[in-house]
Amino acid sequence: MPTWTDINCNNVFEDLSNLLSKSAFLVNYPLSIMRILALDGLIAVIQGMAERIGNGSAVLEQVPFNFEEYIPFWTVKCKDYADSFHWVPFAHRRKYIKRRLMIGADHFNRDPKKGLEFL
């Protein structure tokens, strides 16, 4: 299973991008080699994204959600990881669930009642 959709793992890509952007665009600090390297790394990440988009990757669609039947998210498996038409919607769904759980956990840490209402 890809790590960015795993509920228990951090999204390393997002963490790296945040770190590079914060390091590259520091306010009130003189230009340093670290800032230049961070900007170079950020440009490399963006170029990689542009290359993958330019290769005609699968079209992103809104994934329909079926809430009629409860299925535990940790038991759901992708039908075929080799086929992007199965894998991409599966990854989008997993990422959506992961984001909702993280937001719900944040709400719960502030106020347990509101956190449970959100989830």
PDB file of N, CA and C in Angstrom:
ATOM      1  N   MET A   1       0.850  -1.176   0.000  1.00  0.00           N
ATOM      2  CA  MET A   1       0.000   0.000   0.000  1.00  0.00           C
ATOM      3  C   MET A   1       0.897   1.242   0.000  1.00  0.00           C
ATOM      4  N   PRO A   2       0.611   2.227  -0.824  1.00  0.00           N
ATOM      5  CA  PRO A   2       1.399   3.460  -0.830  1.00  0.00           C
ATOM      6  C   PRO A   2       1.328   4.158   0.524  1.00  0.00           C
ATOM      7  N   THR A   3       2.457   4.729   0.965  1.00  0.00           N
ATOM      8  CA  THR A   3       2.511   5.312   2.304  1.00  0.00           C
ATOM      9  C   THR A   3       1.680   6.572   2.440  1.00  0.00           C
ATOM     10  N   TRP A   4       1.460   7.320   1.334  1.00  0.00           N
ATOM     11  CA  TRP A   4       0.692   8.555   1.492  1.00  0.00           C
ATOM     12  C   TRP A   4      -0.786   8.281   1.729  1.00  0.00           C
ATOM     13  N   THR A   5      -1.232   7.059   1.491  1.00  0.00           N
ATOM     14  CA  THR A   5      -2.614   6.727   1.789  1.00  0.00           C
ATOM     15  C   THR A   5      -2.747   5.913   3.063  1.00  0.00           C
ATOM     16  N   ASP A   6      -1.631   5.505   3.656  1.00  0.00           N
ATOM     17  CA  ASP A   6      -1.679   4.730   4.894  1.00  0.00           C
ATOM     18  C   ASP A   6      -2.036   5.673   6.037  1.00  0.00           C
ATOM     19  N   ILE A   7      -3.029   5.297   6.819  1.00  0.00           N
ATOM     20  CA  ILE A   7      -3.522   6.144   7.904  1.00  0.00           C
ATOM     21  C   ILE A   7      -2.447   6.376   8.956  1.00  0.00           C
ATOM     22  N   ASN A   8      -1.577   5.408   9.171  1.00  0.00           N
ATOM     23  CA  ASN A   8      -0.583   5.491  10.241  1.00  0.00           C
ATOM     24  C   ASN A   8       0.702   6.195   9.837  1.00  0.00           C
ATOM     25  N   CYS A   9       0.896   6.518   8.571  1.00  0.00           N
ATOM     26  CA  CYS A   9       2.143   7.118   8.092  1.00  0.00           C
ATOM     27  C   CYS A   9       1.938   8.584   7.718  1.00  0.00           C
ATOM     28  N   ASN A  10       2.994   9.364   7.899  1.00  0.00           N
ATOM     29  CA  ASN A  10       2.974  10.749   7.449  1.00  0.00           C
ATOM     30  C   ASN A  10       3.148  10.796   5.940  1.00  0.00           C
ATOM     31  N   ASN A  11       2.698  11.880   5.336  1.00  0.00           N
ATOM     32  CA  ASN A  11       2.912  12.096   3.917  1.00  0.00           C
ATOM     33  C   ASN A  11       4.268  12.772   3.775  1.00  0.00           C
ATOM     34  N   VAL A  12       5.286  11.990   3.435  1.00  0.00           N
ATOM     35  CA  VAL A  12       6.655  12.487   3.364  1.00  0.00           C
ATOM     36  C   VAL A  12       6.782  13.558   2.288  1.00  0.00           C
ATOM     37  N   PHE A  13       6.073  13.407   1.179  1.00  0.00           N
ATOM     38  CA  PHE A  13       6.119  14.392   0.106  1.00  0.00           C
ATOM     39  C   PHE A  13       5.642  15.754   0.599  1.00  0.00           C
ATOM     40  N   GLU A  14       4.505  15.789   1.296  1.00  0.00           N
ATOM     41  CA  GLU A  14       3.988  17.055   1.815  1.00  0.00           C
ATOM     42  C   GLU A  14       4.921  17.636   2.868  1.00  0.00           C
ATOM     43  N   ASP A  15       5.458  16.791   3.746  1.00  0.00           N
ATOM     44  CA  ASP A  15       6.378  17.273   4.776  1.00  0.00           C
ATOM     45  C   ASP A  15       7.642  17.862   4.155  1.00  0.00           C
ATOM     46  N   LEU A  16       8.183  17.181   3.145  1.00  0.00           N
ATOM     47  CA  LEU A  16       9.383  17.670   2.470  1.00  0.00           C
ATOM     48  C   LEU A  16       9.107  18.982   1.746  1.00  0.00           C
ATOM     49  N   SER A  17       7.975  19.061   1.060  1.00  0.00           N
ATOM     50  CA  SER A  17       7.623  20.295   0.353  1.00  0.00           C
ATOM     51  C   SER A  17       7.440  21.458   1.322  1.00  0.00           C
ATOM     52  N   ASN A  18       6.792  21.211   2.454  1.00  0.00           N
ATOM     53  CA  ASN A  18       6.620  22.265   3.461  1.00  0.00           C
ATOM     54  C   ASN A  18       7.961  22.719   4.015  1.00  0.00           C
ATOM     55  N   LEU A  19       8.842  21.776   4.325  1.00  0.00           N
ATOM     56  CA  LEU A  19      10.156  22.123   4.859  1.00  0.00           C
ATOM     57  C   LEU A  19      10.958  22.936   3.851  1.00  0.00           C
ATOM     58  N   LEU A  20      10.960  22.499   2.594  1.00  0.00           N
ATOM     59  CA  LEU A  20      11.709  23.222   1.565  1.00  0.00           C
ATOM     60  C   LEU A  20      11.151  24.623   1.345  1.00  0.00           C
ATOM     61  N   SER A  21       9.837  24.765   1.312  1.00  0.00           N
ATOM     62  CA  SER A  21       9.265  26.091   1.072  1.00  0.00           C
ATOM     63  C   SER A  21       9.512  27.023   2.252  1.00  0.00           C
ATOM     64  N   LYS A  22       9.423  26.501   3.476  1.00  0.00           N
ATOM     65  CA  LYS A  22       9.704  27.347   4.641  1.00  0.00           C
ATOM     66  C   LYS A  22      11.170  27.755   4.678  1.00  0.00           C
ATOM     67  N   SER A  23      12.060  26.848   4.291  1.00  0.00           N
ATOM     68  CA  SER A  23      13.493  27.162   4.297  1.00  0.00           C
ATOM     69  C   SER A  23      13.870  28.100   3.157  1.00  0.00           C
ATOM     70  N   ALA A  24      13.207  27.977   2.026  1.00  0.00           N
ATOM     71  CA  ALA A  24      13.551  28.798   0.865  1.00  0.00           C
ATOM     72  C   ALA A  24      13.045  30.226   0.995  1.00  0.00           C
ATOM     73  N   PHE A  25      11.941  30.419   1.694  1.00  0.00           N
ATOM     74  CA  PHE A  25      11.324  31.739   1.756  1.00  0.00           C
ATOM     75  C   PHE A  25      11.292  32.284   3.178  1.00  0.00           C
ATOM     76  N   LEU A  26      12.435  32.249   3.851  1.00  0.00           N
ATOM     77  CA  LEU A  26      12.526  32.813   5.192  1.00  0.00           C
ATOM     78  C   LEU A  26      12.415  34.330   5.120  1.00  0.00           C
ATOM     79  N   VAL A  27      11.701  34.901   6.059  1.00  0.00           N
ATOM     80  CA  VAL A  27      11.511  36.347   6.095  1.00  0.00           C
ATOM     81  C   VAL A  27      12.577  36.953   7.006  1.00  0.00           C
ATOM     82  N   ASN A  28      13.103  38.099   6.614  1.00  0.00           N
ATOM     83  CA  ASN A  28      14.066  38.869   7.409  1.00  0.00           C
ATOM     84  C   ASN A  28      15.381  38.140   7.637  1.00  0.00           C
ATOM     85  N   TYR A  29      15.768  37.266   6.730  1.00  0.00           N
ATOM     86  CA  TYR A  29      17.063  36.612   6.813  1.00  0.00           C
ATOM     87  C   TYR A  29      17.805  36.864   5.512  1.00  0.00           C
ATOM     88  N   PRO A  30      19.127  37.052   5.589  1.00  0.00           N
ATOM     89  CA  PRO A  30      19.879  37.284   4.351  1.00  0.00           C
ATOM     90  C   PRO A  30      19.929  36.012   3.500  1.00  0.00           C
ATOM     91  N   LEU A  31      20.213  36.202   2.234  1.00  0.00           N
ATOM     92  CA  LEU A  31      20.325  35.079   1.312  1.00  0.00           C
ATOM     93  C   LEU A  31      21.502  34.203   1.726  1.00  0.00           C
ATOM     94  N   SER A  32      21.261  32.923   1.882  1.00  0.00           N
ATOM     95  CA  SER A  32      22.322  31.998   2.283  1.00  0.00           C
ATOM     96  C   SER A  32      22.311  30.793   1.359  1.00  0.00           C
ATOM     97  N   ILE A  33      23.361  29.988   1.465  1.00  0.00           N
ATOM     98  CA  ILE A  33      23.461  28.803   0.623  1.00  0.00           C
ATOM     99  C   ILE A  33      22.339  27.818   0.952  1.00  0.00           C
ATOM    100  N   MET A  34      21.911  27.772   2.226  1.00  0.00           N
ATOM    101  CA  MET A  34      20.829  26.866   2.609  1.00  0.00           C
ATOM    102  C   MET A  34      19.526  27.258   1.909  1.00  0.00           C
ATOM    103  N   ARG A  35      19.251  28.554   1.837  1.00  0.00           N
ATOM    104  CA  ARG A  35      18.031  29.012   1.161  1.00  0.00           C
ATOM    105  C   ARG A  35      18.081  28.695  -0.325  1.00  0.00           C
ATOM    106  N   ILE A  36      19.257  28.849  -0.936  1.00  0.00           N
ATOM    107  CA  ILE A  36      19.410  28.552  -2.361  1.00  0.00           C
ATOM    108  C   ILE A  36      19.212  27.058  -2.613  1.00  0.00           C
ATOM    109  N   LEU A  37      19.785  26.208  -1.750  1.00  0.00           N
ATOM    110  CA  LEU A  37      19.615  24.762  -1.900  1.00  0.00           C
ATOM    111  C   LEU A  37      18.162  24.345  -1.679  1.00  0.00           C
ATOM    112  N   ALA A  38      17.493  24.980  -0.715  1.00  0.00           N
ATOM    113  CA  ALA A  38      16.085  24.669  -0.473  1.00  0.00           C
ATOM    114  C   ALA A  38      15.240  25.067  -1.678  1.00  0.00           C
ATOM    115  N   LEU A  39      15.529  26.216  -2.255  1.00  0.00           N
ATOM    116  CA  LEU A  39      14.803  26.654  -3.453  1.00  0.00           C
ATOM    117  C   LEU A  39      15.082  25.720  -4.626  1.00  0.00           C
ATOM    118  N   ASP A  40      16.334  25.284  -4.761  1.00  0.00           N
ATOM    119  CA  ASP A  40      16.689  24.333  -5.810  1.00  0.00           C
ATOM    120  C   ASP A  40      15.934  23.015  -5.626  1.00  0.00           C
ATOM    121  N   GLY A  41      15.828  22.543  -4.398  1.00  0.00           N
ATOM    122  CA  GLY A  41      15.070  21.322  -4.120  1.00  0.00           C
ATOM    123  C   GLY A  41      13.594  21.488  -4.421  1.00  0.00           C
ATOM    124  N   LEU A  42      13.039  22.637  -4.076  1.00  0.00           N
ATOM    125  CA  LEU A  42      11.629  22.915  -4.354  1.00  0.00           C
ATOM    126  C   LEU A  42      11.369  22.966  -5.861  1.00  0.00           C
ATOM    127  N   ILE A  43      12.290  23.555  -6.600  1.00  0.00           N
ATOM    128  CA  ILE A  43      12.162  23.592  -8.061  1.00  0.00           C
ATOM    129  C   ILE A  43      12.222  22.180  -8.635  1.00  0.00           C
ATOM    130  N   ALA A  44      13.095  21.334  -8.087  1.00  0.00           N
ATOM    131  CA  ALA A  44      13.191  19.945  -8.560  1.00  0.00           C
ATOM    132  C   ALA A  44      11.888  19.190  -8.307  1.00  0.00           C
ATOM    133  N   VAL A  45      11.262  19.427  -7.163  1.00  0.00           N
ATOM    134  CA  VAL A  45       9.985  18.778  -6.852  1.00  0.00           C
ATOM    135  C   VAL A  45       8.915  19.231  -7.842  1.00  0.00           C
ATOM    136  N   ILE A  46       8.861  20.524  -8.111  1.00  0.00           N
ATOM    137  CA  ILE A  46       7.857  21.063  -9.037  1.00  0.00           C
ATOM    138  C   ILE A  46       8.110  20.569 -10.458  1.00  0.00           C
ATOM    139  N   GLN A  47       9.384  20.496 -10.865  1.00  0.00           N
ATOM    140  CA  GLN A  47       9.691  19.972 -12.197  1.00  0.00           C
ATOM    141  C   GLN A  47       9.267  18.511 -12.324  1.00  0.00           C
ATOM    142  N   GLY A  48       9.486  17.726 -11.289  1.00  0.00           N
ATOM    143  CA  GLY A  48       9.053  16.329 -11.309  1.00  0.00           C
ATOM    144  C   GLY A  48       7.549  16.205 -11.442  1.00  0.00           C
ATOM    145  N   MET A  49       6.823  17.080 -10.737  1.00  0.00           N
ATOM    146  CA  MET A  49       5.361  17.073 -10.849  1.00  0.00           C
ATOM    147  C   MET A  49       4.939  17.439 -12.267  1.00  0.00           C
ATOM    148  N   ALA A  50       5.589  18.454 -12.843  1.00  0.00           N
ATOM    149  CA  ALA A  50       5.239  18.897 -14.195  1.00  0.00           C
ATOM    150  C   ALA A  50       5.519  17.804 -15.223  1.00  0.00           C
ATOM    151  N   GLU A  51       6.602  17.061 -15.044  1.00  0.00           N
ATOM    152  CA  GLU A  51       6.911  15.973 -15.973  1.00  0.00           C
ATOM    153  C   GLU A  51       5.867  14.873 -15.889  1.00  0.00           C
ATOM    154  N   ARG A  52       5.439  14.537 -14.685  1.00  0.00           N
ATOM    155  CA  ARG A  52       4.432  13.484 -14.542  1.00  0.00           C
ATOM    156  C   ARG A  52       3.087  13.927 -15.113  1.00  0.00           C
ATOM    157  N   ILE A  53       2.752  15.194 -14.955  1.00  0.00           N
ATOM    158  CA  ILE A  53       1.496  15.699 -15.512  1.00  0.00           C
ATOM    159  C   ILE A  53       1.577  15.711 -17.032  1.00  0.00           C
ATOM    160  N   GLY A  54       2.739  16.061 -17.568  1.00  0.00           N
ATOM    161  CA  GLY A  54       2.918  16.126 -19.009  1.00  0.00           C
ATOM    162  C   GLY A  54       2.878  14.771 -19.686  1.00  0.00           C
ATOM    163  N   ASN A  55       3.066  13.691 -18.928  1.00  0.00           N
ATOM    164  CA  ASN A  55       3.066  12.353 -19.516  1.00  0.00           C
ATOM    165  C   ASN A  55       1.669  11.790 -19.695  1.00  0.00           C
ATOM    166  N   GLY A  56       0.648  12.587 -19.488  1.00  0.00           N
ATOM    167  CA  GLY A  56      -0.719  12.128 -19.704  1.00  0.00           C
ATOM    168  C   GLY A  56      -1.173  11.143 -18.655  1.00  0.00           C
ATOM    169  N   SER A  57      -0.942  11.464 -17.405  1.00  0.00           N
ATOM    170  CA  SER A  57      -1.386  10.570 -16.340  1.00  0.00           C
ATOM    171  C   SER A  57      -2.910  10.530 -16.308  1.00  0.00           C
ATOM    172  N   ALA A  58      -3.439   9.635 -15.524  1.00  0.00           N
ATOM    173  CA  ALA A  58      -4.891   9.420 -15.472  1.00  0.00           C
ATOM    174  C   ALA A  58      -5.623  10.703 -15.098  1.00  0.00           C
ATOM    175  N   VAL A  59      -6.787  10.861 -15.668  1.00  0.00           N
ATOM    176  CA  VAL A  59      -7.612  12.035 -15.403  1.00  0.00           C
ATOM    177  C   VAL A  59      -8.172  11.936 -13.991  1.00  0.00           C
ATOM    178  N   LEU A  60      -8.034  13.029 -13.253  1.00  0.00           N
ATOM    179  CA  LEU A  60      -8.549  13.035 -11.890  1.00  0.00           C
ATOM    180  C   LEU A  60     -10.046  13.273 -11.916  1.00  0.00           C
ATOM    181  N   GLU A  61     -10.761  12.402 -11.282  1.00  0.00           N
ATOM    182  CA  GLU A  61     -12.205  12.531 -11.205  1.00  0.00           C
ATOM    183  C   GLU A  61     -12.616  12.557  -9.746  1.00  0.00           C
ATOM    184  N   GLN A  62     -13.795  13.058  -9.522  1.00  0.00           N
ATOM    185  CA  GLN A  62     -14.354  12.999  -8.182  1.00  0.00           C
ATOM    186  C   GLN A  62     -14.751  11.558  -7.917  1.00  0.00           C
ATOM    187  N   VAL A  63     -14.225  10.992  -6.852  1.00  0.00           N
ATOM    188  CA  VAL A  63     -14.505   9.594  -6.537  1.00  0.00           C
ATOM    189  C   VAL A  63     -15.861   9.505  -5.857  1.00  0.00           C
ATOM    190  N   PRO A  64     -16.798   8.728  -6.420  1.00  0.00           N
ATOM    191  CA  PRO A  64     -18.104   8.595  -5.761  1.00  0.00           C
ATOM    192  C   PRO A  64     -17.968   7.773  -4.487  1.00  0.00           C
ATOM    193  N   PHE A  65     -18.649   8.206  -3.453  1.00  0.00           N
ATOM    194  CA  PHE A  65     -18.590   7.522  -2.172  1.00  0.00           C
ATOM    195  C   PHE A  65     -19.914   6.833  -1.918  1.00  0.00           C
ATOM    196  N   ASN A  66     -19.843   5.602  -1.513  1.00  0.00           N
ATOM    197  CA  ASN A  66     -21.030   4.826  -1.207  1.00  0.00           C
ATOM    198  C   ASN A  66     -21.131   4.700   0.306  1.00  0.00           C
ATOM    199  N   PHE A  67     -22.093   5.413   0.900  1.00  0.00           N
ATOM    200  CA  PHE A  67     -22.250   5.400   2.350  1.00  0.00           C
ATOM    201  C   PHE A  67     -23.397   4.496   2.793  1.00  0.00           C
ATOM    202  N   GLU A  68     -23.960   3.717   1.866  1.00  0.00           N
ATOM    203  CA  GLU A  68     -25.078   2.849   2.219  1.00  0.00           C
ATOM    204  C   GLU A  68     -24.636   1.682   3.095  1.00  0.00           C
ATOM    205  N   GLU A  69     -23.432   1.215   2.886  1.00  0.00           N
ATOM    206  CA  GLU A  69     -22.944   0.054   3.614  1.00  0.00           C
ATOM    207  C   GLU A  69     -21.629   0.421   4.292  1.00  0.00           C
ATOM    208  N   TYR A  70     -21.496   0.080   5.566  1.00  0.00           N
ATOM    209  CA  TYR A  70     -20.263   0.379   6.285  1.00  0.00           C
ATOM    210  C   TYR A  70     -19.242  -0.720   6.027  1.00  0.00           C
ATOM    211  N   ILE A  71     -18.084  -0.314   5.560  1.00  0.00           N
ATOM    212  CA  ILE A  71     -16.959  -1.231   5.377  1.00  0.00           C
ATOM    213  C   ILE A  71     -15.771  -0.596   6.089  1.00  0.00           C
ATOM    214  N   PRO A  72     -15.137  -1.270   7.047  1.00  0.00           N
ATOM    215  CA  PRO A  72     -13.978  -0.694   7.731  1.00  0.00           C
ATOM    216  C   PRO A  72     -12.894  -0.318   6.719  1.00  0.00           C
ATOM    217  N   PHE A  73     -12.386   0.909   6.812  1.00  0.00           N
ATOM    218  CA  PHE A  73     -11.444   1.402   5.817  1.00  0.00           C
ATOM    219  C   PHE A  73     -10.151   0.604   5.798  1.00  0.00           C
ATOM    220  N   TRP A  74      -9.785  -0.010   6.903  1.00  0.00           N
ATOM    221  CA  TRP A  74      -8.527  -0.750   6.947  1.00  0.00           C
ATOM    222  C   TRP A  74      -8.630  -2.119   6.265  1.00  0.00           C
ATOM    223  N   THR A  75      -9.834  -2.534   5.908  1.00  0.00           N
ATOM    224  CA  THR A  75      -9.992  -3.818   5.220  1.00  0.00           C
ATOM    225  C   THR A  75     -10.143  -3.663   3.716  1.00  0.00           C
ATOM    226  N   VAL A  76     -10.317  -2.442   3.230  1.00  0.00           N
ATOM    227  CA  VAL A  76     -10.528  -2.210   1.799  1.00  0.00           C
ATOM    228  C   VAL A  76      -9.195  -2.350   1.066  1.00  0.00           C
ATOM    229  N   LYS A  77      -9.201  -3.106   0.001  1.00  0.00           N
ATOM    230  CA  LYS A  77      -8.003  -3.331  -0.815  1.00  0.00           C
ATOM    231  C   LYS A  77      -8.266  -2.850  -2.240  1.00  0.00           C
ATOM    232  N   CYS A  78      -7.203  -2.434  -2.905  1.00  0.00           N
ATOM    233  CA  CYS A  78      -7.309  -2.029  -4.306  1.00  0.00           C
ATOM    234  C   CYS A  78      -7.455  -3.275  -5.178  1.00  0.00           C
ATOM    235  N   LYS A  79      -8.286  -3.171  -6.204  1.00  0.00           N
ATOM    236  CA  LYS A  79      -8.510  -4.317  -7.095  1.00  0.00           C
ATOM    237  C   LYS A  79      -7.258  -4.669  -7.886  1.00  0.00           C
ATOM    238  N   ASP A  80      -6.545  -3.635  -8.378  1.00  0.00           N
ATOM    239  CA  ASP A  80      -5.378  -3.889  -9.218  1.00  0.00           C
ATOM    240  C   ASP A  80      -4.451  -2.676  -9.152  1.00  0.00           C
ATOM    241  N   TYR A  81      -3.298  -2.828  -8.481  1.00  0.00           N
ATOM    242  CA  TYR A  81      -2.354  -1.717  -8.373  1.00  0.00           C
ATOM    243  C   TYR A  81      -1.674  -1.408  -9.707  1.00  0.00           C
ATOM    244  N   ALA A  82      -1.634  -2.352 -10.613  1.00  0.00           N
ATOM    245  CA  ALA A  82      -0.978  -2.130 -11.897  1.00  0.00           C
ATOM    246  C   ALA A  82      -1.820  -1.256 -12.824  1.00  0.00           C
ATOM    247  N   ASP A  83      -3.127  -1.265 -12.662  1.00  0.00           N
ATOM    248  CA  ASP A  83      -4.024  -0.504 -13.527  1.00  0.00           C
ATOM    249  C   ASP A  83      -4.387   0.814 -12.852  1.00  0.00           C
ATOM    250  N   SER A  84      -4.025   1.932 -13.484  1.00  0.00           N
ATOM    251  CA  SER A  84      -4.263   3.239 -12.865  1.00  0.00           C
ATOM    252  C   SER A  84      -5.745   3.573 -12.752  1.00  0.00           C
ATOM    253  N   PHE A  85      -6.600   2.951 -13.552  1.00  0.00           N
ATOM    254  CA  PHE A  85      -8.029   3.225 -13.449  1.00  0.00           C
ATOM    255  C   PHE A  85      -8.626   2.649 -12.169  1.00  0.00           C
ATOM    256  N   HIS A  86      -7.983   1.648 -11.590  1.00  0.00           N
ATOM    257  CA  HIS A  86      -8.407   1.113 -10.298  1.00  0.00           C
ATOM    258  C   HIS A  86      -7.637   1.778  -9.161  1.00  0.00           C
ATOM    259  N   TRP A  87      -6.346   2.000  -9.389  1.00  0.00           N
ATOM    260  CA  TRP A  87      -5.471   2.455  -8.331  1.00  0.00           C
ATOM    261  C   TRP A  87      -5.688   3.921  -7.971  1.00  0.00           C
ATOM    262  N   VAL A  88      -5.866   4.791  -8.964  1.00  0.00           N
ATOM    263  CA  VAL A  88      -5.994   6.227  -8.697  1.00  0.00           C
ATOM    264  C   VAL A  88      -7.235   6.540  -7.863  1.00  0.00           C
ATOM    265  N   PRO A  89      -8.432   6.054  -8.207  1.00  0.00           N
ATOM    266  CA  PRO A  89      -9.588   6.327  -7.336  1.00  0.00           C
ATOM    267  C   PRO A  89      -9.417   5.740  -5.935  1.00  0.00           C
ATOM    268  N   PHE A  90      -8.777   4.572  -5.847  1.00  0.00           N
ATOM    269  CA  PHE A  90      -8.521   3.967  -4.538  1.00  0.00           C
ATOM    270  C   PHE A  90      -7.615   4.874  -3.706  1.00  0.00           C
ATOM    271  N   ALA A  91      -6.548   5.400  -4.323  1.00  0.00           N
ATOM    272  CA  ALA A  91      -5.625   6.277  -3.604  1.00  0.00           C
ATOM    273  C   ALA A  91      -6.309   7.580  -3.194  1.00  0.00           C
ATOM    274  N   HIS A  92      -7.151   8.133  -4.069  1.00  0.00           N
ATOM    275  CA  HIS A  92      -7.886   9.358  -3.728  1.00  0.00           C
ATOM    276  C   HIS A  92      -8.820   9.117  -2.547  1.00  0.00           C
ATOM    277  N   ARG A  93      -9.487   7.995  -2.550  1.00  0.00           N
ATOM    278  CA  ARG A  93     -10.404   7.655  -1.455  1.00  0.00           C
ATOM    279  C   ARG A  93      -9.642   7.498  -0.143  1.00  0.00           C
ATOM    280  N   ARG A  94      -8.508   6.803  -0.189  1.00  0.00           N
ATOM    281  CA  ARG A  94      -7.705   6.604   1.022  1.00  0.00           C
ATOM    282  C   ARG A  94      -7.174   7.941   1.549  1.00  0.00           C
ATOM    283  N   LYS A  95      -6.739   8.790   0.645  1.00  0.00           N
ATOM    284  CA  LYS A  95      -6.221  10.090   1.068  1.00  0.00           C
ATOM    285  C   LYS A  95      -7.335  10.946   1.665  1.00  0.00           C
ATOM    286  N   TYR A  96      -8.536  10.872   1.098  1.00  0.00           N
ATOM    287  CA  TYR A  96      -9.685  11.598   1.633  1.00  0.00           C
ATOM    288  C   TYR A  96      -9.994  11.116   3.054  1.00  0.00           C
ATOM    289  N   ILE A  97     -10.014   9.807   3.243  1.00  0.00           N
ATOM    290  CA  ILE A  97     -10.285   9.250   4.575  1.00  0.00           C
ATOM    291  C   ILE A  97      -9.201   9.675   5.556  1.00  0.00           C
ATOM    292  N   LYS A  98      -7.950   9.613   5.123  1.00  0.00           N
ATOM    293  CA  LYS A  98      -6.838  10.004   5.992  1.00  0.00           C
ATOM    294  C   LYS A  98      -6.977  11.466   6.415  1.00  0.00           C
ATOM    295  N   ARG A  99      -7.300  12.336   5.463  1.00  0.00           N
ATOM    296  CA  ARG A  99      -7.450  13.759   5.774  1.00  0.00           C
ATOM    297  C   ARG A  99      -8.594  13.990   6.762  1.00  0.00           C
ATOM    298  N   ARG A 100      -9.721  13.300   6.538  1.00  0.00           N
ATOM    299  CA  ARG A 100     -10.874  13.445   7.446  1.00  0.00           C
ATOM    300  C   ARG A 100     -10.534  12.959   8.856  1.00  0.00           C
ATOM    301  N   LEU A 101      -9.819  11.853   8.965  1.00  0.00           N
ATOM    302  CA  LEU A 101      -9.437  11.343  10.283  1.00  0.00           C
ATOM    303  C   LEU A 101      -8.479  12.293  10.996  1.00  0.00           C
ATOM    304  N   MET A 102      -7.554  12.893  10.248  1.00  0.00           N
ATOM    305  CA  MET A 102      -6.622  13.841  10.859  1.00  0.00           C
ATOM    306  C   MET A 102      -7.359  15.083  11.356  1.00  0.00           C
ATOM    307  N   ILE A 103      -8.311  15.581  10.573  1.00  0.00           N
ATOM    308  CA  ILE A 103      -9.102  16.738  10.993  1.00  0.00           C
ATOM    309  C   ILE A 103      -9.953  16.374  12.200  1.00  0.00           C
ATOM    310  N   GLY A 104     -10.572  15.186  12.164  1.00  0.00           N
ATOM    311  CA  GLY A 104     -11.379  14.730  13.298  1.00  0.00           C
ATOM    312  C   GLY A 104     -10.556  14.571  14.559  1.00  0.00           C
ATOM    313  N   ALA A 105      -9.336  14.057  14.433  1.00  0.00           N
ATOM    314  CA  ALA A 105      -8.460  13.914  15.599  1.00  0.00           C
ATOM    315  C   ALA A 105      -8.084  15.278  16.160  1.00  0.00           C
ATOM    316  N   ASP A 106      -7.850  16.244  15.268  1.00  0.00           N
ATOM    317  CA  ASP A 106      -7.528  17.596  15.721  1.00  0.00           C
ATOM    318  C   ASP A 106      -8.712  18.213  16.459  1.00  0.00           C
ATOM    319  N   HIS A 107      -9.917  18.049  15.916  1.00  0.00           N
ATOM    320  CA  HIS A 107     -11.121  18.535  16.606  1.00  0.00           C
ATOM    321  C   HIS A 107     -11.291  17.841  17.956  1.00  0.00           C
ATOM    322  N   PHE A 108     -11.044  16.541  17.990  1.00  0.00           N
ATOM    323  CA  PHE A 108     -11.197  15.774  19.227  1.00  0.00           C
ATOM    324  C   PHE A 108     -10.200  16.246  20.283  1.00  0.00           C
ATOM    325  N   ASN A 109      -8.978  16.586  19.868  1.00  0.00           N
ATOM    326  CA  ASN A 109      -7.974  17.061  20.822  1.00  0.00           C
ATOM    327  C   ASN A 109      -8.364  18.409  21.418  1.00  0.00           C
ATOM    328  N   ARG A 110      -9.089  19.215  20.662  1.00  0.00           N
ATOM    329  CA  ARG A 110      -9.565  20.496  21.191  1.00  0.00           C
ATOM    330  C   ARG A 110     -10.796  20.312  22.068  1.00  0.00           C
ATOM    331  N   ASP A 111     -11.758  19.543  21.557  1.00  0.00           N
ATOM    332  CA  ASP A 111     -13.004  19.295  22.284  1.00  0.00           C
ATOM    333  C   ASP A 111     -13.521  17.914  21.878  1.00  0.00           C
ATOM    334  N   PRO A 112     -13.470  16.927  22.785  1.00  0.00           N
ATOM    335  CA  PRO A 112     -13.871  15.560  22.422  1.00  0.00           C
ATOM    336  C   PRO A 112     -15.282  15.465  21.847  1.00  0.00           C
ATOM    337  N   LYS A 113     -16.207  16.254  22.364  1.00  0.00           N
ATOM    338  CA  LYS A 113     -17.583  16.184  21.871  1.00  0.00           C
ATOM    339  C   LYS A 113     -17.659  16.625  20.408  1.00  0.00           C
ATOM    340  N   LYS A 114     -16.999  17.732  20.079  1.00  0.00           N
ATOM    341  CA  LYS A 114     -17.012  18.224  18.701  1.00  0.00           C
ATOM    342  C   LYS A 114     -16.262  17.276  17.770  1.00  0.00           C
ATOM    343  N   GLY A 115     -15.204  16.662  18.274  1.00  0.00           N
ATOM    344  CA  GLY A 115     -14.457  15.711  17.458  1.00  0.00           C
ATOM    345  C   GLY A 115     -15.291  14.511  17.071  1.00  0.00           C
ATOM    346  N   LEU A 116     -16.060  13.989  18.022  1.00  0.00           N
ATOM    347  CA  LEU A 116     -16.923  12.849  17.724  1.00  0.00           C
ATOM    348  C   LEU A 116     -18.070  13.247  16.804  1.00  0.00           C
ATOM    349  N   GLU A 117     -18.584  14.466  16.960  1.00  0.00           N
ATOM    350  CA  GLU A 117     -19.630  14.945  16.053  1.00  0.00           C
ATOM    351  C   GLU A 117     -19.101  15.048  14.627  1.00  0.00           C
ATOM    352  N   PHE A 118     -17.869  15.508  14.491  1.00  0.00           N
ATOM    353  CA  PHE A 118     -17.275  15.658  13.164  1.00  0.00           C
ATOM    354  C   PHE A 118     -17.114  14.310  12.482  1.00  0.00           C
ATOM    355  N   LEU A 119     -16.644  13.335  13.242  1.00  0.00           N
ATOM    356  CA  LEU A 119     -16.422  12.007  12.652  1.00  0.00           C
ATOM    357  C   LEU A 119     -17.729  11.281  12.485  1.00  0.00           C
TER     358      LEU A 119
END
